[in-house]
Protein backbone atom coordinates (compact mmCIF):
# COMPACT_ATOMS: atom_id res chain seq x y z
CA UNK A 1 115.74 -143.37 82.67
CA UNK A 2 118.38 -143.99 85.35
CA UNK A 3 117.84 -147.75 85.48
CA UNK A 4 118.26 -148.00 81.70
CA UNK A 5 121.35 -145.77 81.91
CA UNK A 6 122.82 -148.18 84.45
CA UNK A 7 122.10 -151.20 82.23
CA UNK A 8 123.67 -149.49 79.21
CA UNK A 9 126.76 -148.49 81.19
CA UNK A 10 127.24 -152.08 82.32
CA UNK A 11 126.92 -153.41 78.75
CA UNK A 12 129.38 -150.78 77.50
CA UNK A 13 131.86 -151.76 80.22
CA UNK A 14 131.44 -155.44 79.31
CA UNK A 15 132.54 -154.43 75.80
CA UNK A 16 135.64 -152.72 77.21
CA UNK A 17 134.49 -149.09 77.21
CA UNK A 18 135.08 -146.57 79.97
CA UNK A 19 131.81 -144.83 80.81
CA UNK A 20 130.62 -141.65 82.49
CA UNK A 21 126.94 -141.07 83.26
CA UNK A 22 125.78 -137.44 83.18
CA UNK A 23 122.55 -136.76 85.07
CA UNK A 24 120.44 -133.60 85.11
CA UNK A 25 117.52 -133.62 87.52
CA UNK A 26 114.34 -131.98 86.31
CA UNK A 27 114.19 -129.39 89.14
CA UNK A 28 117.80 -128.30 88.54
CA UNK A 29 117.28 -128.08 84.76
CA UNK A 30 114.13 -125.96 85.05
CA UNK A 31 115.60 -123.79 87.83
CA UNK A 32 118.67 -123.12 85.68
CA UNK A 33 116.59 -122.02 82.69
CA UNK A 34 114.34 -119.83 84.80
CA UNK A 35 116.76 -118.30 87.32
CA UNK A 36 120.36 -118.24 86.11
CA UNK A 37 121.64 -114.90 84.75
CA UNK A 38 121.46 -114.65 80.96
CA UNK A 39 125.24 -114.30 80.72
CA UNK A 40 125.61 -117.63 82.52
CA UNK A 41 123.16 -119.33 80.14
CA UNK A 42 125.04 -117.90 77.16
CA UNK A 43 128.38 -119.20 78.42
CA UNK A 44 129.62 -122.61 77.22
CA UNK A 45 129.84 -125.41 79.77
CA UNK A 46 133.48 -126.20 80.58
CA UNK A 47 132.62 -129.61 82.03
CA UNK A 48 130.58 -130.69 78.99
CA UNK A 49 133.31 -129.45 76.66
CA UNK A 50 135.97 -131.25 78.67
CA UNK A 51 134.14 -134.58 78.45
CA UNK A 52 133.76 -134.08 74.71
CA UNK A 53 137.56 -133.93 74.40
CA UNK A 54 137.79 -137.63 75.29
CA UNK A 55 134.38 -139.10 74.40
CA UNK A 56 134.18 -141.39 71.36
CA UNK A 57 130.44 -142.13 71.65
CA UNK A 58 127.39 -140.65 73.36
CA UNK A 59 124.13 -142.41 74.24
CA UNK A 60 121.50 -139.80 75.06
CA UNK A 61 118.16 -140.54 76.67
CA UNK A 62 117.52 -137.14 78.22
CA UNK A 63 114.13 -135.53 78.37
CA UNK A 64 112.10 -133.89 81.13
CA UNK A 65 109.06 -135.89 82.19
CA UNK A 66 106.75 -132.85 82.14
CA UNK A 67 107.16 -130.28 79.32
CA UNK A 68 104.44 -127.89 80.53
CA UNK A 69 106.76 -125.54 82.49
CA UNK A 70 108.69 -124.92 79.25
CA UNK A 71 105.83 -122.75 78.05
CA UNK A 72 106.50 -120.25 80.86
CA UNK A 73 110.16 -119.70 79.96
CA UNK A 74 110.78 -116.58 77.87
CA UNK A 75 112.07 -116.64 74.29
CA UNK A 76 115.06 -114.60 75.47
CA UNK A 77 116.07 -117.36 77.90
CA UNK A 78 115.63 -120.11 75.31
CA UNK A 79 117.85 -118.19 72.91
CA UNK A 80 120.49 -117.61 75.60
CA UNK A 81 120.46 -121.32 76.46
CA UNK A 82 120.83 -122.24 72.77
CA UNK A 83 123.74 -119.83 72.46
CA UNK A 84 125.45 -121.49 75.42
CA UNK A 85 124.97 -124.96 73.97
CA UNK A 86 126.19 -123.98 70.50
CA UNK A 87 129.97 -124.37 71.13
CA UNK A 88 129.40 -127.95 72.35
CA UNK A 89 127.30 -128.69 69.27
CA UNK A 90 129.98 -127.30 66.91
CA UNK A 91 132.69 -129.25 68.70
CA UNK A 92 130.68 -132.49 68.45
CA UNK A 93 130.31 -131.93 64.70
CA UNK A 94 134.01 -131.16 64.30
CA UNK A 95 135.08 -134.24 66.27
CA UNK A 96 132.34 -136.41 64.70
CA UNK A 97 131.57 -138.13 67.98
CA UNK A 98 129.12 -140.98 67.40
CA UNK A 99 125.79 -140.16 69.01
CA UNK A 100 122.60 -142.16 69.47
CA UNK A 101 119.44 -140.69 70.97
CA UNK A 102 116.90 -143.03 72.58
CA UNK A 103 113.41 -141.76 71.88
CA UNK A 104 111.88 -143.85 74.67
CA UNK A 105 113.34 -141.30 77.10
CA UNK A 106 110.62 -138.76 76.33
CA UNK A 107 107.66 -141.17 76.43
CA UNK A 108 106.12 -140.20 79.77
CA UNK A 109 102.56 -139.99 81.17
CA UNK A 110 103.10 -136.30 81.98
CA UNK A 111 104.13 -135.46 78.41
CA UNK A 112 101.22 -137.51 77.06
CA UNK A 113 98.79 -135.49 79.20
CA UNK A 114 100.35 -132.19 78.12
CA UNK A 115 99.98 -132.97 74.42
CA UNK A 116 96.75 -134.96 74.62
CA UNK A 117 98.34 -138.26 73.58
CA UNK A 118 97.07 -141.68 74.62
CA UNK A 119 100.07 -142.76 76.71
CA UNK A 120 99.59 -146.52 76.23
CA UNK A 121 99.18 -146.15 72.45
CA UNK A 122 102.22 -143.84 72.23
CA UNK A 123 104.40 -146.22 74.27
CA UNK A 124 103.22 -149.18 72.18
CA UNK A 125 103.93 -147.30 68.93
CA UNK A 126 107.45 -146.40 70.08
CA UNK A 127 108.19 -149.97 71.16
CA UNK A 128 106.85 -151.38 67.86
CA UNK A 129 109.02 -148.95 65.90
CA UNK A 130 112.01 -150.13 67.95
CA UNK A 131 111.26 -153.81 67.30
CA UNK A 132 110.68 -153.58 63.54
CA UNK A 133 112.97 -155.30 61.01
CA UNK A 134 116.02 -153.03 60.86
CA UNK A 135 117.50 -155.05 58.00
CA UNK A 136 114.57 -153.97 55.81
CA UNK A 137 114.88 -150.42 57.13
CA UNK A 138 118.54 -150.33 56.08
CA UNK A 139 117.60 -151.64 52.62
CA UNK A 140 114.99 -148.91 52.13
CA UNK A 141 117.47 -146.35 53.38
CA UNK A 142 119.99 -147.39 50.74
CA UNK A 143 117.37 -146.95 47.99
CA UNK A 144 116.49 -143.45 49.17
CA UNK A 145 120.14 -142.54 49.62
CA UNK A 146 120.64 -143.48 45.96
CA UNK A 147 118.05 -140.88 44.94
CA UNK A 148 119.47 -138.06 47.06
CA UNK A 149 123.20 -138.69 47.52
CA UNK A 150 125.26 -136.24 45.47
CA UNK A 151 122.23 -135.30 43.37
CA UNK A 152 121.36 -131.87 41.97
CA UNK A 153 117.79 -132.73 40.99
CA UNK A 154 114.74 -130.49 41.10
CA UNK A 155 112.29 -131.39 43.87
CA UNK A 156 108.61 -130.50 44.11
CA UNK A 157 106.37 -131.13 47.12
CA UNK A 158 102.60 -130.64 46.97
CA UNK A 159 99.70 -131.49 49.28
CA UNK A 160 95.97 -131.00 49.61
CA UNK A 161 96.59 -128.75 52.62
CA UNK A 162 98.15 -126.08 50.38
CA UNK A 163 101.81 -127.07 50.08
CA UNK A 164 103.47 -126.25 46.79
CA UNK A 165 107.22 -125.97 47.23
CA UNK A 166 110.05 -126.26 44.70
CA UNK A 167 113.79 -126.46 45.42
CA UNK A 168 117.02 -128.06 44.22
CA UNK A 169 119.34 -130.58 45.76
CA UNK A 170 122.90 -129.33 46.17
CA UNK A 171 125.01 -132.39 45.35
CA UNK A 172 125.63 -133.14 49.03
CA UNK A 173 125.82 -136.40 50.95
CA UNK A 174 122.53 -137.77 52.25
CA UNK A 175 122.28 -138.92 55.86
CA UNK A 176 120.56 -142.27 56.38
CA UNK A 177 119.30 -142.78 59.93
CA UNK A 178 118.77 -146.56 60.06
CA UNK A 179 119.65 -147.09 63.72
CA UNK A 180 123.21 -148.28 63.09
CA UNK A 181 126.40 -146.24 62.76
CA UNK A 182 128.60 -148.50 60.63
CA UNK A 183 131.78 -147.82 58.67
CA UNK A 184 129.76 -146.80 55.58
CA UNK A 185 127.87 -144.19 57.60
CA UNK A 186 131.02 -142.79 59.17
CA UNK A 187 132.73 -142.58 55.77
CA UNK A 188 129.71 -140.63 54.48
CA UNK A 189 129.93 -138.24 57.43
CA UNK A 190 126.92 -139.66 59.28
CA UNK A 191 127.69 -139.93 62.99
CA UNK A 192 124.27 -139.52 64.62
CA UNK A 193 121.29 -141.83 64.79
CA UNK A 194 118.08 -142.29 66.76
CA UNK A 195 116.24 -145.30 68.12
CA UNK A 196 113.63 -145.88 66.85
CA UNK A 197 115.08 -144.87 63.47
CA UNK A 198 114.06 -144.68 59.84
CA UNK A 199 114.72 -141.47 57.91
CA UNK A 200 116.92 -140.05 55.19
CA UNK A 201 117.83 -136.36 55.15
CA UNK A 202 119.87 -133.92 53.14
CA UNK A 203 120.86 -130.26 53.17
CA UNK A 204 119.42 -128.90 49.89
CA UNK A 205 120.51 -125.79 48.04
CA UNK A 206 119.65 -123.17 50.62
CA UNK A 207 118.69 -120.34 48.24
CA UNK A 208 116.54 -122.49 45.94
CA UNK A 209 113.27 -122.88 47.88
CA UNK A 210 110.23 -121.05 46.55
CA UNK A 211 106.59 -121.57 47.42
CA UNK A 212 104.45 -122.58 50.37
CA UNK A 213 104.63 -125.34 52.99
CA UNK A 214 101.42 -125.94 54.96
CA UNK A 215 102.20 -128.66 57.51
CA UNK A 216 99.39 -131.14 58.18
CA UNK A 217 100.82 -132.69 61.37
CA UNK A 218 100.77 -130.88 64.75
CA UNK A 219 104.23 -130.07 66.15
CA UNK A 220 104.74 -130.70 69.89
CA UNK A 221 106.66 -127.78 71.35
CA UNK A 222 107.18 -126.65 74.96
CA UNK A 223 104.11 -128.47 76.28
CA UNK A 224 101.66 -127.46 73.54
CA UNK A 225 100.78 -128.56 70.01
CA UNK A 226 101.51 -126.09 67.21
CA UNK A 227 98.81 -126.55 64.57
CA UNK A 228 98.50 -125.19 61.07
CA UNK A 229 102.13 -124.06 60.77
CA UNK A 230 102.78 -122.44 57.40
CA UNK A 231 105.91 -121.05 55.78
CA UNK A 232 106.24 -118.98 52.64
CA UNK A 233 109.64 -119.21 50.95
CA UNK A 234 111.17 -116.71 48.55
CA UNK A 235 114.62 -117.56 47.18
CA UNK A 236 115.31 -119.78 50.19
CA UNK A 237 114.18 -117.31 52.87
CA UNK A 238 111.03 -117.56 54.99
CA UNK A 239 109.00 -114.48 54.13
CA UNK A 240 106.01 -115.52 56.27
CA UNK A 241 105.99 -117.64 59.46
CA UNK A 242 102.54 -118.24 60.96
CA UNK A 243 100.41 -120.86 62.66
CA UNK A 244 96.71 -121.33 63.33
CA UNK A 245 97.25 -122.41 66.94
CA UNK A 246 100.05 -122.02 69.51
CA UNK A 247 102.44 -120.23 67.19
CA UNK A 248 103.62 -118.33 70.27
CA UNK A 249 105.48 -121.50 71.33
CA UNK A 250 108.02 -121.04 68.49
CA UNK A 251 107.63 -117.72 66.63
CA UNK A 252 109.08 -115.52 69.43
CA UNK A 253 112.03 -117.95 69.77
CA UNK A 254 112.60 -117.68 66.00
CA UNK A 255 112.42 -113.90 66.18
CA UNK A 256 115.07 -113.80 68.93
CA UNK A 257 117.42 -116.21 67.13
CA UNK A 258 120.53 -115.14 65.24
CA UNK A 259 122.27 -116.15 62.03
CA UNK A 260 120.53 -118.02 59.22
CA UNK A 261 117.39 -118.61 61.27
CA UNK A 262 115.03 -118.09 58.29
CA UNK A 263 116.95 -119.90 55.56
CA UNK A 264 115.84 -123.18 54.00
CA UNK A 265 117.89 -125.97 55.56
CA UNK A 266 116.51 -129.48 55.56
CA UNK A 267 114.63 -132.08 53.50
CA UNK A 268 113.86 -135.54 54.87
CA UNK A 269 111.74 -138.64 54.17
CA UNK A 270 110.69 -141.23 56.76
CA UNK A 271 110.63 -144.98 56.13
CA UNK A 272 109.98 -146.86 59.38
CA UNK A 273 106.86 -148.95 58.56
CA UNK A 274 105.96 -149.52 62.23
CA UNK A 275 106.18 -145.88 63.36
CA UNK A 276 102.92 -143.98 63.81
CA UNK A 277 102.37 -140.26 63.28
CA UNK A 278 100.78 -137.96 65.81
CA UNK A 279 103.47 -138.22 68.49
CA UNK A 280 107.02 -136.80 68.73
CA UNK A 281 108.92 -138.71 66.02
CA UNK A 282 106.74 -137.98 63.00
CA UNK A 283 109.83 -137.72 60.80
CA UNK A 284 110.58 -141.49 60.88
CA UNK A 285 107.08 -142.70 59.89
CA UNK A 286 107.00 -144.18 56.40
CA UNK A 287 106.14 -141.61 53.74
CA UNK A 288 106.29 -138.60 56.04
CA UNK A 289 108.18 -135.63 54.55
CA UNK A 290 110.05 -133.19 56.79
CA UNK A 291 111.09 -129.64 55.90
CA UNK A 292 113.29 -127.46 58.10
CA UNK A 293 114.90 -124.05 58.41
CA UNK A 294 117.90 -122.71 60.31
CA UNK A 295 121.24 -124.34 61.11
CA UNK A 296 122.19 -127.30 58.92
CA UNK A 297 125.96 -127.63 59.39
CA UNK A 298 125.55 -131.15 60.72
CA UNK A 299 124.28 -132.18 57.27
CA UNK A 300 127.10 -130.44 55.45
CA UNK A 301 125.04 -127.33 54.69
CA UNK A 302 126.19 -123.74 54.99
CA UNK A 303 123.59 -122.27 57.36
CA UNK A 304 124.87 -121.10 60.74
CA UNK A 305 122.37 -120.25 63.45
CA UNK A 306 121.41 -120.90 67.06
CA UNK A 307 117.97 -121.86 65.67
CA UNK A 308 116.67 -124.89 63.84
CA UNK A 309 113.07 -126.00 63.40
CA UNK A 310 111.20 -128.60 61.35
CA UNK A 311 107.66 -129.51 60.44
CA UNK A 312 106.20 -132.65 58.89
CA UNK A 313 103.74 -133.57 56.15
CA UNK A 314 101.80 -136.81 56.51
CA UNK A 315 100.11 -136.78 53.12
CA UNK A 316 102.11 -135.15 50.38
CA UNK A 317 103.30 -135.79 46.85
CA UNK A 318 107.06 -135.63 46.22
CA UNK A 319 108.74 -135.73 42.84
CA UNK A 320 112.50 -135.73 42.38
CA UNK A 321 113.57 -134.88 38.84
CA UNK A 322 109.97 -135.67 37.79
CA UNK A 323 110.10 -139.14 39.40
CA UNK A 324 107.43 -139.79 42.02
CA UNK A 325 109.04 -140.74 45.32
CA UNK A 326 106.11 -140.16 47.70
CA UNK A 327 102.47 -140.41 46.58
CA UNK A 328 99.82 -139.16 49.04
CA UNK A 329 102.02 -140.07 51.99
CA UNK A 330 103.09 -143.49 50.66
CA UNK A 331 106.62 -144.35 49.58
CA UNK A 332 106.74 -145.05 45.85
CA UNK A 333 110.29 -146.48 45.70
C-alpha cells in the first residue's frame, strides 16, 4: 500500500495539510508480536500517542498481506498487544480524531489463499462497493438513522439458522458509516468511517439481550474461517460461546480478555447494494445484520474492555417496535 500512501499524502499536501506516513513492515510487526516481552506489548506506544496529540485526521490502510502466522501467536500475546493499544484507542475517542480505514489494504492474494477466497472476485467486489452511488448510500443511511437514533424500541432478530434474540435500544445516537465525515456526522459524534462504506450501528441497552444468535456467515480470523459461531445471551451476558469450526481462533482470546468482554455491545445493519458477503466486510452488505460483544465506548455505550468481537447474519428477520426492517436478508425500509 506504499504507493497509494504516497499518492494520498501528496493530495493531502495539495489541500494544505501537513502529513506523516507511519509504516510497519510485516516482518517487524510479526516479530514484535512473537518475541517482545509481554510487559513491552502491554505498554502504550509513546510515539503513537505523541502523534495523536497533533493529528486531526488519520487515513489507515494497514493490514498484513499474509494472516496465516497470526494463528501461531498465543492468546496471551494478543491480549497483551490489545492492552498496549488500548490507551491510544481511548485517546482517539476522547479527541474525536477523524479516521477513515481503506478496506482495499487487506485485499491480498495471500489472504485470499488463507481464507479460500477467489482473489479476483474479492478484489472486484471491493472495487464495485467503492464505486457505488454514495449519494444513494447516504440517503438510505438517513432512513435507518431515523429508526435507531435516540430510540428505545424493542428489537427482535430471528433466522432459519436458529437465531432468536430480543433486546432494547437505549436512546443513544446511531452511527451512520456512509463514507463521508461531514459536519452532521461530527455533531452526532461520528468520527470514523470505512471505504467501502454502508452501515448503521448503535450501542443498545447492554443488559437487555436475551436469546440465541447463530451466525450464518463465516468470520475470517487470524488466517482461518470461524464457522457456526453461536452465542447465548442472558440479561445481556454471553452465557455460552461456541463454534462448529475454528473456535480456537477467538475463544481463547475472549477468555484471556478483561472488562466487559462478554456483555452485549453492538447492533448494526448494512446497506451497500454493491457489496458482496463472504469476504471481510460482511457488515456493509445490504441487509446484513451484525451483532457484537465487548467494548462499545466508541458508540457511546458503557462497556469497557480490551476485547470486542462481531458476527454477521446474511439472512435474518429484524423487527424494531414490531416494524419489519429486514426481511430474509433484504432491507424493508
